[in-house]
Amino acid sequence: MKPVEPVLEAGAQRQQTINAECIDDYTDTPSIGLSFLYNNISQKITFKLPLTLNKFFEPTDMNAESFFARWKNLGK
């Protein structure tokens, strides 16, 4: 995650991009914690992340000719 400015003005918004990689099955929704100071009082909010798995990969062995034949078929 990118660092953000230490002060956020009232009504301002900041966007933070998060890249997640699923390396194992999970049953609980992933979450992230946000910690900040408000009027010099420490606050912490935990958000559930709306992550969905949308890519699946399986390794396969093939030579260059097979690879490029499959690659060309993707465009059809």
C-alpha atoms as a PDB file:
ATOM      1  CA  MET A   1       0.000   0.000   0.000  1.00  0.00           C
ATOM      2  CA  LYS A   2       1.120   3.523  -0.722  1.00  0.00           C
ATOM      3  CA  PRO A   3       1.778   5.934   2.150  1.00  0.00           C
ATOM      4  CA  VAL A   4      -0.861   8.646   2.588  1.00  0.00           C
ATOM      5  CA  GLU A   5      -0.598  12.195   3.897  1.00  0.00           C
ATOM      6  CA  PRO A   6      -0.665  12.437   7.711  1.00  0.00           C
ATOM      7  CA  VAL A   7      -3.583  14.943   7.659  1.00  0.00           C
ATOM      8  CA  LEU A   8      -6.844  14.573   5.746  1.00  0.00           C
ATOM      9  CA  GLU A   9      -9.053  17.658   5.547  1.00  0.00           C
ATOM     10  CA  ALA A  10     -12.760  17.413   6.419  1.00  0.00           C
ATOM     11  CA  GLY A  11     -14.789  16.131   3.467  1.00  0.00           C
ATOM     12  CA  ALA A  12     -11.688  15.031   1.536  1.00  0.00           C
ATOM     13  CA  GLN A  13     -11.331  11.539   0.084  1.00  0.00           C
ATOM     14  CA  ARG A  14      -8.318   9.362  -0.675  1.00  0.00           C
ATOM     15  CA  GLN A  15      -8.206   6.196  -2.723  1.00  0.00           C
ATOM     16  CA  GLN A  16      -5.958   3.300  -1.789  1.00  0.00           C
ATOM     17  CA  THR A  17      -5.489   0.390  -4.192  1.00  0.00           C
ATOM     18  CA  ILE A  18      -5.021  -3.039  -2.659  1.00  0.00           C
ATOM     19  CA  ASN A  19      -3.781  -6.054  -4.615  1.00  0.00           C
ATOM     20  CA  ALA A  20      -4.613  -9.388  -3.024  1.00  0.00           C
ATOM     21  CA  GLU A  21      -3.416 -12.852  -3.926  1.00  0.00           C
ATOM     22  CA  CYS A  22      -5.273 -15.919  -2.714  1.00  0.00           C
ATOM     23  CA  ILE A  23      -2.750 -18.611  -1.865  1.00  0.00           C
ATOM     24  CA  ASP A  24      -5.115 -20.964  -0.048  1.00  0.00           C
ATOM     25  CA  ASP A  25      -8.826 -21.648   0.476  1.00  0.00           C
ATOM     26  CA  TYR A  26     -10.596 -19.405   2.973  1.00  0.00           C
ATOM     27  CA  THR A  27     -14.030 -19.411   4.583  1.00  0.00           C
ATOM     28  CA  ASP A  28     -14.067 -16.064   6.417  1.00  0.00           C
ATOM     29  CA  THR A  29     -14.302 -12.837   4.439  1.00  0.00           C
ATOM     30  CA  PRO A  30     -10.875 -11.125   4.326  1.00  0.00           C
ATOM     31  CA  SER A  31     -10.712  -7.863   6.246  1.00  0.00           C
ATOM     32  CA  ILE A  32      -8.387  -4.912   6.698  1.00  0.00           C
ATOM     33  CA  GLY A  33      -7.886  -2.659   9.709  1.00  0.00           C
ATOM     34  CA  LEU A  34      -7.695   1.130   9.482  1.00  0.00           C
ATOM     35  CA  SER A  35      -6.066   2.994  12.374  1.00  0.00           C
ATOM     36  CA  PHE A  36      -6.073   6.774  12.768  1.00  0.00           C
ATOM     37  CA  LEU A  37      -6.201   9.618  15.275  1.00  0.00           C
ATOM     38  CA  TYR A  38      -9.309  11.772  15.671  1.00  0.00           C
ATOM     39  CA  ASN A  39      -9.051  14.637  18.188  1.00  0.00           C
ATOM     40  CA  ASN A  40      -5.907  12.930  19.525  1.00  0.00           C
ATOM     41  CA  ILE A  41      -7.902   9.750  20.280  1.00  0.00           C
ATOM     42  CA  SER A  42      -6.793   6.546  18.595  1.00  0.00           C
ATOM     43  CA  GLN A  43      -9.489   4.969  16.403  1.00  0.00           C
ATOM     44  CA  LYS A  44      -9.517   1.602  14.659  1.00  0.00           C
ATOM     45  CA  ILE A  45     -12.094   0.399  12.128  1.00  0.00           C
ATOM     46  CA  THR A  46     -12.082  -3.037  10.536  1.00  0.00           C
ATOM     47  CA  PHE A  47     -13.598  -3.411   7.060  1.00  0.00           C
ATOM     48  CA  LYS A  48     -14.568  -6.630   5.344  1.00  0.00           C
ATOM     49  CA  LEU A  49     -13.107  -6.666   1.835  1.00  0.00           C
ATOM     50  CA  PRO A  50     -15.369  -7.586  -1.085  1.00  0.00           C
ATOM     51  CA  LEU A  51     -12.864  -9.960  -2.688  1.00  0.00           C
ATOM     52  CA  THR A  52     -13.940 -12.455  -5.301  1.00  0.00           C
ATOM     53  CA  LEU A  53     -11.767 -15.043  -6.975  1.00  0.00           C
ATOM     54  CA  ASN A  54     -11.796 -14.426 -10.701  1.00  0.00           C
ATOM     55  CA  LYS A  55      -8.674 -16.076 -12.076  1.00  0.00           C
ATOM     56  CA  PHE A  56      -7.551 -19.653 -11.854  1.00  0.00           C
ATOM     57  CA  PHE A  57      -4.271 -20.997 -13.136  1.00  0.00           C
ATOM     58  CA  GLU A  58      -3.004 -24.503 -13.639  1.00  0.00           C
ATOM     59  CA  PRO A  59       0.564 -25.117 -14.728  1.00  0.00           C
ATOM     60  CA  THR A  60       1.100 -26.971 -17.969  1.00  0.00           C
ATOM     61  CA  ASP A  61       4.115 -28.035 -19.979  1.00  0.00           C
ATOM     62  CA  MET A  62       4.223 -27.215 -23.699  1.00  0.00           C
ATOM     63  CA  ASN A  63       6.715 -26.346 -26.369  1.00  0.00           C
ATOM     64  CA  ALA A  64       6.827 -22.964 -28.138  1.00  0.00           C
ATOM     65  CA  GLU A  65       4.755 -24.187 -31.099  1.00  0.00           C
ATOM     66  CA  SER A  66       1.894 -25.359 -28.848  1.00  0.00           C
ATOM     67  CA  PHE A  67       2.023 -22.169 -26.792  1.00  0.00           C
ATOM     68  CA  PHE A  68       1.725 -19.868 -29.798  1.00  0.00           C
ATOM     69  CA  ALA A  69      -1.039 -21.996 -31.317  1.00  0.00           C
ATOM     70  CA  ARG A  70      -3.053 -21.623 -28.086  1.00  0.00           C
ATOM     71  CA  TRP A  71      -2.190 -17.898 -27.912  1.00  0.00           C
ATOM     72  CA  LYS A  72      -3.527 -17.302 -31.434  1.00  0.00           C
ATOM     73  CA  ASN A  73      -6.768 -19.145 -30.579  1.00  0.00           C
ATOM     74  CA  LEU A  74      -7.441 -16.739 -27.693  1.00  0.00           C
ATOM     75  CA  GLY A  75      -8.039 -13.931 -30.168  1.00  0.00           C
ATOM     76  CA  LYS A  76     -10.725 -15.863 -32.048  1.00  0.00           C
END
